[in-house]
Amino acid sequence: MEANPEEAIKTNVYGTYSVAWAAHRYGADRFVLVSTDKAVNPTSVMGASKRIAEMIIQHLDTISSTNYAAVRFGNVLGSRGSVIPLFRKQILAGGPVTVTHKDMIRYFMTIPEAVQLIIQAGALAGGGEVFVLDMGEPVRILDLARTLICLSGYEPYRDIDIKIVGMRPGEKLFEELLTAEEGVTATTHERIFVAKPTALNDGLLEQVLTMFDSAPGQIMPRDQAATVKFIQQFLPRFQLVTNEQEPAALEAAAAGAVD
């Protein structure tokens, strides 16, 4: 998505709207958007596109009898794009195992946990909520790499090397599940919380959604610059963080300097 940012908008924003509007049109009882912790203070196109998708379903909830909700969580072990299959492939090839930063940490849950919690959140949905799932304690990616090497019967740095390759565009050292403004309230499920709602620009949302219906080609971005401009309508302080920038800029963004 960072390499093809306009496609991220087409899929995560326009695609979410298309399916969410179909749910309204055909009278679906509930609609659950699977979001991500990267939607909080986003520094990537992926995270920003998911945050806009959250805004869209919250807006639609105000005009529809369908109950819309979003679920935010971190990384799912073994899913497509997960770091675990990549590490296994690198270990089988004799290494090196590549880690982007020695201090990078992430939240993880298993596929069955993720599915169960999404279904539970759907059952709890009353309309418009952003549910936040308890992901447990974060894991340092470097420690995860070492553990997988050991579990494969090798010794890190002797049999299989670990190489620090640098952070990728838009990556954070750590992910957040909430903005400073949101906070959470408890639900009847011990691992599911509700983020407190933040103000939406309903006028902008109505304008963009109308354009999606009437002339999507006129509003959909076609390159990176147009994508950033599109995102900034919703997230005015959004700036792409690239791997050419200093680590201090990445850490500042991760700490919430970017909405």
C-alpha atoms as a PDB file:
ATOM      1  CA  MET A   1       0.000   0.000   0.000  1.00  0.00           C
ATOM      2  CA  GLU A   2       2.885   2.383   0.613  1.00  0.00           C
ATOM      3  CA  ALA A   3       4.244   1.589  -2.864  1.00  0.00           C
ATOM      4  CA  ASN A   4       0.783   1.963  -4.457  1.00  0.00           C
ATOM      5  CA  PRO A   5      -0.960   4.532  -2.231  1.00  0.00           C
ATOM      6  CA  GLU A   6      -3.826   5.295  -4.614  1.00  0.00           C
ATOM      7  CA  GLU A   7      -4.757   1.597  -4.510  1.00  0.00           C
ATOM      8  CA  ALA A   8      -4.912   1.746  -0.707  1.00  0.00           C
ATOM      9  CA  ILE A   9      -7.533   4.507  -0.963  1.00  0.00           C
ATOM     10  CA  LYS A  10      -9.437   2.576  -3.630  1.00  0.00           C
ATOM     11  CA  THR A  11      -9.545  -0.560  -1.465  1.00  0.00           C
ATOM     12  CA  ASN A  12      -9.728   0.650   2.141  1.00  0.00           C
ATOM     13  CA  VAL A  13     -11.776   3.832   1.651  1.00  0.00           C
ATOM     14  CA  TYR A  14     -13.868   3.449  -1.509  1.00  0.00           C
ATOM     15  CA  GLY A  15     -14.094  -0.333  -1.034  1.00  0.00           C
ATOM     16  CA  THR A  16     -15.254   0.012   2.568  1.00  0.00           C
ATOM     17  CA  TYR A  17     -17.866   2.565   1.559  1.00  0.00           C
ATOM     18  CA  SER A  18     -19.147   0.373  -1.283  1.00  0.00           C
ATOM     19  CA  VAL A  19     -19.649  -2.672   0.938  1.00  0.00           C
ATOM     20  CA  ALA A  20     -20.941  -0.629   3.889  1.00  0.00           C
ATOM     21  CA  TRP A  21     -23.502   1.151   1.673  1.00  0.00           C
ATOM     22  CA  ALA A  22     -24.625  -2.207   0.266  1.00  0.00           C
ATOM     23  CA  ALA A  23     -25.215  -3.359   3.865  1.00  0.00           C
ATOM     24  CA  HIS A  24     -27.464  -0.323   4.382  1.00  0.00           C
ATOM     25  CA  ARG A  25     -29.231  -0.697   1.051  1.00  0.00           C
ATOM     26  CA  TYR A  26     -30.137  -4.333   1.621  1.00  0.00           C
ATOM     27  CA  GLY A  27     -31.002  -3.983   5.310  1.00  0.00           C
ATOM     28  CA  ALA A  28     -28.136  -5.893   6.943  1.00  0.00           C
ATOM     29  CA  ASP A  29     -28.471  -5.949  10.713  1.00  0.00           C
ATOM     30  CA  ARG A  30     -24.773  -5.402  11.476  1.00  0.00           C
ATOM     31  CA  PHE A  31     -21.591  -4.389   9.693  1.00  0.00           C
ATOM     32  CA  VAL A  32     -18.160  -4.875  11.302  1.00  0.00           C
ATOM     33  CA  LEU A  33     -15.091  -3.185   9.834  1.00  0.00           C
ATOM     34  CA  VAL A  34     -11.807  -4.909  10.655  1.00  0.00           C
ATOM     35  CA  SER A  35      -9.488  -1.977  11.330  1.00  0.00           C
ATOM     36  CA  THR A  36      -5.965  -1.820  12.742  1.00  0.00           C
ATOM     37  CA  ASP A  37      -3.855  -0.212  15.433  1.00  0.00           C
ATOM     38  CA  LYS A  38      -2.057   1.553  12.557  1.00  0.00           C
ATOM     39  CA  ALA A  39      -5.154   3.772  12.204  1.00  0.00           C
ATOM     40  CA  VAL A  40      -4.127   5.556  15.426  1.00  0.00           C
ATOM     41  CA  ASN A  41      -1.941   8.618  14.752  1.00  0.00           C
ATOM     42  CA  PRO A  42      -1.200   7.174  11.289  1.00  0.00           C
ATOM     43  CA  THR A  43       2.188   7.670   9.673  1.00  0.00           C
ATOM     44  CA  SER A  44       1.449   5.373   6.727  1.00  0.00           C
ATOM     45  CA  VAL A  45      -1.057   5.381   3.887  1.00  0.00           C
ATOM     46  CA  MET A  46      -2.311   2.027   5.131  1.00  0.00           C
ATOM     47  CA  GLY A  47      -3.065   3.382   8.604  1.00  0.00           C
ATOM     48  CA  ALA A  48      -4.579   6.630   7.321  1.00  0.00           C
ATOM     49  CA  SER A  49      -6.833   4.801   4.846  1.00  0.00           C
ATOM     50  CA  LYS A  50      -8.123   2.579   7.656  1.00  0.00           C
ATOM     51  CA  ARG A  51      -8.785   5.601   9.890  1.00  0.00           C
ATOM     52  CA  ILE A  52     -10.858   7.187   7.110  1.00  0.00           C
ATOM     53  CA  ALA A  53     -12.717   3.888   6.725  1.00  0.00           C
ATOM     54  CA  GLU A  54     -13.569   4.060  10.445  1.00  0.00           C
ATOM     55  CA  MET A  55     -14.922   7.583   9.945  1.00  0.00           C
ATOM     56  CA  ILE A  56     -17.076   6.429   7.030  1.00  0.00           C
ATOM     57  CA  ILE A  57     -18.795   3.635   8.928  1.00  0.00           C
ATOM     58  CA  GLN A  58     -19.337   5.922  11.938  1.00  0.00           C
ATOM     59  CA  HIS A  59     -20.974   8.467   9.646  1.00  0.00           C
ATOM     60  CA  LEU A  60     -23.148   5.848   7.929  1.00  0.00           C
ATOM     61  CA  ASP A  61     -24.295   4.638  11.334  1.00  0.00           C
ATOM     62  CA  THR A  62     -25.976   8.010  11.898  1.00  0.00           C
ATOM     63  CA  ILE A  63     -28.134   7.684   8.765  1.00  0.00           C
ATOM     64  CA  SER A  64     -28.825   3.951   8.596  1.00  0.00           C
ATOM     65  CA  SER A  65     -30.757   1.324  10.522  1.00  0.00           C
ATOM     66  CA  THR A  66     -27.756  -0.992  10.108  1.00  0.00           C
ATOM     67  CA  ASN A  67     -25.500  -1.126  13.177  1.00  0.00           C
ATOM     68  CA  TYR A  68     -21.983  -0.246  12.066  1.00  0.00           C
ATOM     69  CA  ALA A  69     -18.898  -0.875  14.201  1.00  0.00           C
ATOM     70  CA  ALA A  70     -15.124  -1.134  13.772  1.00  0.00           C
ATOM     71  CA  VAL A  71     -12.662  -3.423  15.530  1.00  0.00           C
ATOM     72  CA  ARG A  72      -9.060  -2.329  16.052  1.00  0.00           C
ATOM     73  CA  PHE A  73      -6.264  -4.738  16.851  1.00  0.00           C
ATOM     74  CA  GLY A  74      -2.649  -5.503  16.059  1.00  0.00           C
ATOM     75  CA  ASN A  75      -0.872  -8.316  14.263  1.00  0.00           C
ATOM     76  CA  VAL A  76      -2.379 -11.777  13.750  1.00  0.00           C
ATOM     77  CA  LEU A  77       0.148 -14.600  13.970  1.00  0.00           C
ATOM     78  CA  GLY A  78       0.319 -16.722  10.830  1.00  0.00           C
ATOM     79  CA  SER A  79      -1.929 -14.477   8.737  1.00  0.00           C
ATOM     80  CA  ARG A  80      -0.911 -13.243   5.293  1.00  0.00           C
ATOM     81  CA  GLY A  81       1.771 -10.590   5.743  1.00  0.00           C
ATOM     82  CA  SER A  82       2.641 -11.792   9.252  1.00  0.00           C
ATOM     83  CA  VAL A  83       6.301 -11.713  10.181  1.00  0.00           C
ATOM     84  CA  ILE A  84       6.287 -15.345  11.391  1.00  0.00           C
ATOM     85  CA  PRO A  85       6.070 -17.023   7.935  1.00  0.00           C
ATOM     86  CA  LEU A  86       8.762 -14.638   6.689  1.00  0.00           C
ATOM     87  CA  PHE A  87      11.098 -15.522   9.561  1.00  0.00           C
ATOM     88  CA  ARG A  88      10.479 -19.250   9.003  1.00  0.00           C
ATOM     89  CA  LYS A  89      11.302 -18.908   5.305  1.00  0.00           C
ATOM     90  CA  GLN A  90      14.494 -17.000   6.113  1.00  0.00           C
ATOM     91  CA  ILE A  91      15.545 -19.612   8.702  1.00  0.00           C
ATOM     92  CA  LEU A  92      14.945 -22.477   6.231  1.00  0.00           C
ATOM     93  CA  ALA A  93      17.115 -20.618   3.716  1.00  0.00           C
ATOM     94  CA  GLY A  94      19.954 -20.409   6.255  1.00  0.00           C
ATOM     95  CA  GLY A  95      19.412 -16.762   7.150  1.00  0.00           C
ATOM     96  CA  PRO A  96      19.875 -14.009   7.722  1.00  0.00           C
ATOM     97  CA  VAL A  97      16.649 -13.214   9.554  1.00  0.00           C
ATOM     98  CA  THR A  98      15.858  -9.556   8.876  1.00  0.00           C
ATOM     99  CA  VAL A  99      14.523  -7.207  11.567  1.00  0.00           C
ATOM    100  CA  THR A 100      13.815  -3.572  10.756  1.00  0.00           C
ATOM    101  CA  HIS A 101      14.823  -2.065  14.139  1.00  0.00           C
ATOM    102  CA  LYS A 102      16.274  -3.561  17.323  1.00  0.00           C
ATOM    103  CA  ASP A 103      13.715  -1.781  19.550  1.00  0.00           C
ATOM    104  CA  MET A 104      10.591  -2.378  17.451  1.00  0.00           C
ATOM    105  CA  ILE A 105       7.672  -3.901  19.357  1.00  0.00           C
ATOM    106  CA  ARG A 106       4.292  -5.195  18.217  1.00  0.00           C
ATOM    107  CA  TYR A 107       1.084  -6.666  19.650  1.00  0.00           C
ATOM    108  CA  PHE A 108       0.144 -10.173  18.513  1.00  0.00           C
ATOM    109  CA  MET A 109      -2.810 -12.531  18.742  1.00  0.00           C
ATOM    110  CA  THR A 110      -3.658 -15.868  17.139  1.00  0.00           C
ATOM    111  CA  ILE A 111      -6.115 -16.324  14.270  1.00  0.00           C
ATOM    112  CA  PRO A 112      -8.735 -18.068  16.497  1.00  0.00           C
ATOM    113  CA  GLU A 113      -8.459 -15.248  19.049  1.00  0.00           C
ATOM    114  CA  ALA A 114      -8.916 -12.611  16.351  1.00  0.00           C
ATOM    115  CA  VAL A 115     -11.957 -14.323  14.827  1.00  0.00           C
ATOM    116  CA  GLN A 116     -13.619 -14.885  18.201  1.00  0.00           C
ATOM    117  CA  LEU A 117     -13.123 -11.289  19.292  1.00  0.00           C
ATOM    118  CA  ILE A 118     -14.426  -9.885  15.998  1.00  0.00           C
ATOM    119  CA  ILE A 119     -17.602 -11.988  16.342  1.00  0.00           C
ATOM    120  CA  GLN A 120     -17.961 -10.908  19.984  1.00  0.00           C
ATOM    121  CA  ALA A 121     -17.560  -7.246  19.017  1.00  0.00           C
ATOM    122  CA  GLY A 122     -20.231  -7.674  16.354  1.00  0.00           C
ATOM    123  CA  ALA A 123     -22.592  -9.078  18.969  1.00  0.00           C
ATOM    124  CA  LEU A 124     -21.867  -6.155  21.307  1.00  0.00           C
ATOM    125  CA  ALA A 125     -22.313  -3.483  18.628  1.00  0.00           C
ATOM    126  CA  GLY A 126     -25.013  -0.955  19.322  1.00  0.00           C
ATOM    127  CA  GLY A 127     -23.988   1.294  16.443  1.00  0.00           C
ATOM    128  CA  GLY A 128     -20.989   3.492  15.642  1.00  0.00           C
ATOM    129  CA  GLU A 129     -18.500   2.035  18.105  1.00  0.00           C
ATOM    130  CA  VAL A 130     -14.790   1.571  17.533  1.00  0.00           C
ATOM    131  CA  PHE A 131     -13.955  -1.506  19.578  1.00  0.00           C
ATOM    132  CA  VAL A 132     -10.417  -1.916  20.902  1.00  0.00           C
ATOM    133  CA  LEU A 133      -9.227  -5.425  21.674  1.00  0.00           C
ATOM    134  CA  ASP A 134      -6.919  -6.253  24.561  1.00  0.00           C
ATOM    135  CA  MET A 135      -3.807  -7.525  22.801  1.00  0.00           C
ATOM    136  CA  GLY A 136      -1.874  -8.414  25.955  1.00  0.00           C
ATOM    137  CA  GLU A 137       1.756  -7.418  26.311  1.00  0.00           C
ATOM    138  CA  PRO A 138       3.736  -6.227  23.262  1.00  0.00           C
ATOM    139  CA  VAL A 139       6.559  -8.381  21.939  1.00  0.00           C
ATOM    140  CA  ARG A 140       9.951  -7.126  20.779  1.00  0.00           C
ATOM    141  CA  ILE A 141      10.442  -8.295  17.189  1.00  0.00           C
ATOM    142  CA  LEU A 142      14.146  -8.983  17.766  1.00  0.00           C
ATOM    143  CA  ASP A 143      13.248 -11.302  20.674  1.00  0.00           C
ATOM    144  CA  LEU A 144      10.672 -13.028  18.467  1.00  0.00           C
ATOM    145  CA  ALA A 145      13.325 -13.632  15.791  1.00  0.00           C
ATOM    146  CA  ARG A 146      15.743 -15.080  18.358  1.00  0.00           C
ATOM    147  CA  THR A 147      13.056 -17.350  19.803  1.00  0.00           C
ATOM    148  CA  LEU A 148      12.055 -18.722  16.389  1.00  0.00           C
ATOM    149  CA  ILE A 149      15.680 -19.446  15.527  1.00  0.00           C
ATOM    150  CA  CYS A 150      16.121 -21.334  18.813  1.00  0.00           C
ATOM    151  CA  LEU A 151      12.853 -23.259  18.331  1.00  0.00           C
ATOM    152  CA  SER A 152      14.133 -24.281  14.892  1.00  0.00           C
ATOM    153  CA  GLY A 153      17.163 -25.896  16.549  1.00  0.00           C
ATOM    154  CA  TYR A 154      19.724 -23.196  15.748  1.00  0.00           C
ATOM    155  CA  GLU A 155      21.711 -20.671  17.719  1.00  0.00           C
ATOM    156  CA  PRO A 156      21.171 -17.003  16.847  1.00  0.00           C
ATOM    157  CA  TYR A 157      24.191 -15.194  15.381  1.00  0.00           C
ATOM    158  CA  ARG A 158      26.187 -18.445  15.191  1.00  0.00           C
ATOM    159  CA  ASP A 159      24.050 -20.709  12.993  1.00  0.00           C
ATOM    160  CA  ILE A 160      21.556 -18.112  11.760  1.00  0.00           C
ATOM    161  CA  ASP A 161      22.455 -14.435  11.641  1.00  0.00           C
ATOM    162  CA  ILE A 162      20.012 -11.620  12.463  1.00  0.00           C
ATOM    163  CA  LYS A 163      20.378  -8.484  10.372  1.00  0.00           C
ATOM    164  CA  ILE A 164      18.956  -5.064  11.228  1.00  0.00           C
ATOM    165  CA  VAL A 165      17.792  -3.617   7.908  1.00  0.00           C
ATOM    166  CA  GLY A 166      16.162  -0.292   8.879  1.00  0.00           C
ATOM    167  CA  MET A 167      12.586   0.857   9.252  1.00  0.00           C
ATOM    168  CA  ARG A 168      10.326   0.880   6.209  1.00  0.00           C
ATOM    169  CA  PRO A 169       8.362   3.929   5.057  1.00  0.00           C
ATOM    170  CA  GLY A 170       5.542   4.747   7.464  1.00  0.00           C
ATOM    171  CA  GLU A 171       6.600   2.238  10.136  1.00  0.00           C
ATOM    172  CA  LYS A 172       6.535   3.075  13.830  1.00  0.00           C
ATOM    173  CA  LEU A 173       8.706   1.665  16.600  1.00  0.00           C
ATOM    174  CA  PHE A 174       5.503   0.803  18.447  1.00  0.00           C
ATOM    175  CA  GLU A 175       1.810   0.769  17.622  1.00  0.00           C
ATOM    176  CA  GLU A 176      -1.012   2.366  19.626  1.00  0.00           C
ATOM    177  CA  LEU A 177      -4.613   1.246  19.995  1.00  0.00           C
ATOM    178  CA  LEU A 178      -5.969   4.671  21.011  1.00  0.00           C
ATOM    179  CA  THR A 179      -5.352   8.358  20.458  1.00  0.00           C
ATOM    180  CA  ALA A 180      -4.803  10.538  23.513  1.00  0.00           C
ATOM    181  CA  GLU A 181      -8.302  11.972  23.052  1.00  0.00           C
ATOM    182  CA  GLU A 182     -10.162   8.686  22.865  1.00  0.00           C
ATOM    183  CA  GLY A 183      -9.687   6.687  26.049  1.00  0.00           C
ATOM    184  CA  VAL A 184     -11.847   3.583  26.552  1.00  0.00           C
ATOM    185  CA  THR A 185     -14.902   2.336  28.338  1.00  0.00           C
ATOM    186  CA  ALA A 186     -15.416  -1.286  29.350  1.00  0.00           C
ATOM    187  CA  THR A 187     -17.893  -3.722  27.811  1.00  0.00           C
ATOM    188  CA  THR A 188     -19.355  -6.942  29.150  1.00  0.00           C
ATOM    189  CA  HIS A 189     -16.433  -8.807  27.536  1.00  0.00           C
ATOM    190  CA  GLU A 190     -13.218  -8.602  29.553  1.00  0.00           C
ATOM    191  CA  ARG A 191     -11.009  -8.241  26.461  1.00  0.00           C
ATOM    192  CA  ILE A 192     -13.114  -5.768  24.474  1.00  0.00           C
ATOM    193  CA  PHE A 193     -13.278  -2.036  25.117  1.00  0.00           C
ATOM    194  CA  VAL A 194     -14.957   0.864  23.310  1.00  0.00           C
ATOM    195  CA  ALA A 195     -12.979   3.909  22.220  1.00  0.00           C
ATOM    196  CA  LYS A 196     -14.703   7.131  23.192  1.00  0.00           C
ATOM    197  CA  PRO A 197     -16.061   8.821  20.035  1.00  0.00           C
ATOM    198  CA  THR A 198     -14.241  11.746  18.449  1.00  0.00           C
ATOM    199  CA  ALA A 199     -15.852  14.489  16.382  1.00  0.00           C
ATOM    200  CA  LEU A 200     -16.468  13.783  12.677  1.00  0.00           C
ATOM    201  CA  ASN A 201     -16.554  16.262   9.825  1.00  0.00           C
ATOM    202  CA  ASP A 202     -19.989  15.172   8.600  1.00  0.00           C
ATOM    203  CA  GLY A 203     -20.086  17.814   5.873  1.00  0.00           C
ATOM    204  CA  LEU A 204     -16.847  16.551   4.341  1.00  0.00           C
ATOM    205  CA  LEU A 205     -17.939  12.929   4.649  1.00  0.00           C
ATOM    206  CA  GLU A 206     -21.268  13.634   2.941  1.00  0.00           C
ATOM    207  CA  GLN A 207     -19.494  15.486   0.128  1.00  0.00           C
ATOM    208  CA  VAL A 208     -16.938  12.716  -0.468  1.00  0.00           C
ATOM    209  CA  LEU A 209     -19.502   9.921  -0.267  1.00  0.00           C
ATOM    210  CA  THR A 210     -21.741  11.751  -2.729  1.00  0.00           C
ATOM    211  CA  MET A 211     -18.801  11.968  -5.133  1.00  0.00           C
ATOM    212  CA  PHE A 212     -18.139   8.244  -4.635  1.00  0.00           C
ATOM    213  CA  ASP A 213     -21.692   7.602  -5.843  1.00  0.00           C
ATOM    214  CA  SER A 214     -21.819  10.088  -8.719  1.00  0.00           C
ATOM    215  CA  ALA A 215     -18.265  10.495 -10.028  1.00  0.00           C
ATOM    216  CA  PRO A 216     -15.692   8.316  -8.219  1.00  0.00           C
ATOM    217  CA  GLY A 217     -13.140   8.850 -10.978  1.00  0.00           C
ATOM    218  CA  GLN A 218     -13.030  12.579 -10.241  1.00  0.00           C
ATOM    219  CA  ILE A 219     -12.228  12.179  -6.559  1.00  0.00           C
ATOM    220  CA  MET A 220     -10.040   9.069  -6.445  1.00  0.00           C
ATOM    221  CA  PRO A 221      -6.308   9.957  -6.226  1.00  0.00           C
ATOM    222  CA  ARG A 222      -4.016   8.729  -8.995  1.00  0.00           C
ATOM    223  CA  ASP A 223      -0.555   9.154  -7.448  1.00  0.00           C
ATOM    224  CA  GLN A 224       1.201   9.633  -4.115  1.00  0.00           C
ATOM    225  CA  ALA A 225       0.853  13.430  -3.994  1.00  0.00           C
ATOM    226  CA  ALA A 226      -2.870  13.239  -4.739  1.00  0.00           C
ATOM    227  CA  THR A 227      -3.250  10.484  -2.144  1.00  0.00           C
ATOM    228  CA  VAL A 228      -1.660  12.612   0.583  1.00  0.00           C
ATOM    229  CA  LYS A 229      -3.907  15.526  -0.387  1.00  0.00           C
ATOM    230  CA  PHE A 230      -6.975  13.269  -0.245  1.00  0.00           C
ATOM    231  CA  ILE A 231      -6.005  11.969   3.210  1.00  0.00           C
ATOM    232  CA  GLN A 232      -5.322  15.464   4.552  1.00  0.00           C
ATOM    233  CA  GLN A 233      -8.965  16.403   3.948  1.00  0.00           C
ATOM    234  CA  PHE A 234      -9.791  14.032   6.798  1.00  0.00           C
ATOM    235  CA  LEU A 235      -6.516  14.109   8.747  1.00  0.00           C
ATOM    236  CA  PRO A 236      -5.096  17.637   8.245  1.00  0.00           C
ATOM    237  CA  ARG A 237      -1.818  16.966  10.061  1.00  0.00           C
ATOM    238  CA  PHE A 238      -1.055  13.731   8.210  1.00  0.00           C
ATOM    239  CA  GLN A 239       2.400  13.565   6.647  1.00  0.00           C
ATOM    240  CA  LEU A 240       4.048  10.559   5.090  1.00  0.00           C
ATOM    241  CA  VAL A 241       7.033   9.392   7.128  1.00  0.00           C
ATOM    242  CA  THR A 242       9.693   7.916   4.856  1.00  0.00           C
ATOM    243  CA  ASN A 243      12.732   5.819   5.610  1.00  0.00           C
ATOM    244  CA  GLU A 244      14.936   8.694   4.470  1.00  0.00           C
ATOM    245  CA  GLN A 245      13.830  10.750   7.475  1.00  0.00           C
ATOM    246  CA  GLU A 246      15.747  10.777  10.726  1.00  0.00           C
ATOM    247  CA  PRO A 247      14.781   8.190  13.393  1.00  0.00           C
ATOM    248  CA  ALA A 248      13.747  11.093  15.662  1.00  0.00           C
ATOM    249  CA  ALA A 249      11.015  12.023  13.183  1.00  0.00           C
ATOM    250  CA  LEU A 250       9.750   8.458  13.153  1.00  0.00           C
ATOM    251  CA  GLU A 251       9.687   8.298  16.938  1.00  0.00           C
ATOM    252  CA  ALA A 252       7.935  11.682  17.191  1.00  0.00           C
ATOM    253  CA  ALA A 253       5.252  10.502  14.796  1.00  0.00           C
ATOM    254  CA  ALA A 254       4.834   7.255  16.693  1.00  0.00           C
ATOM    255  CA  ALA A 255       4.467   9.195  19.927  1.00  0.00           C
ATOM    256  CA  GLY A 256       1.419  10.980  18.553  1.00  0.00           C
ATOM    257  CA  ALA A 257       2.798  14.083  16.858  1.00  0.00           C
ATOM    258  CA  VAL A 258       0.639  13.217  13.836  1.00  0.00           C
ATOM    259  CA  ASP A 259      -3.163  12.967  14.083  1.00  0.00           C
END
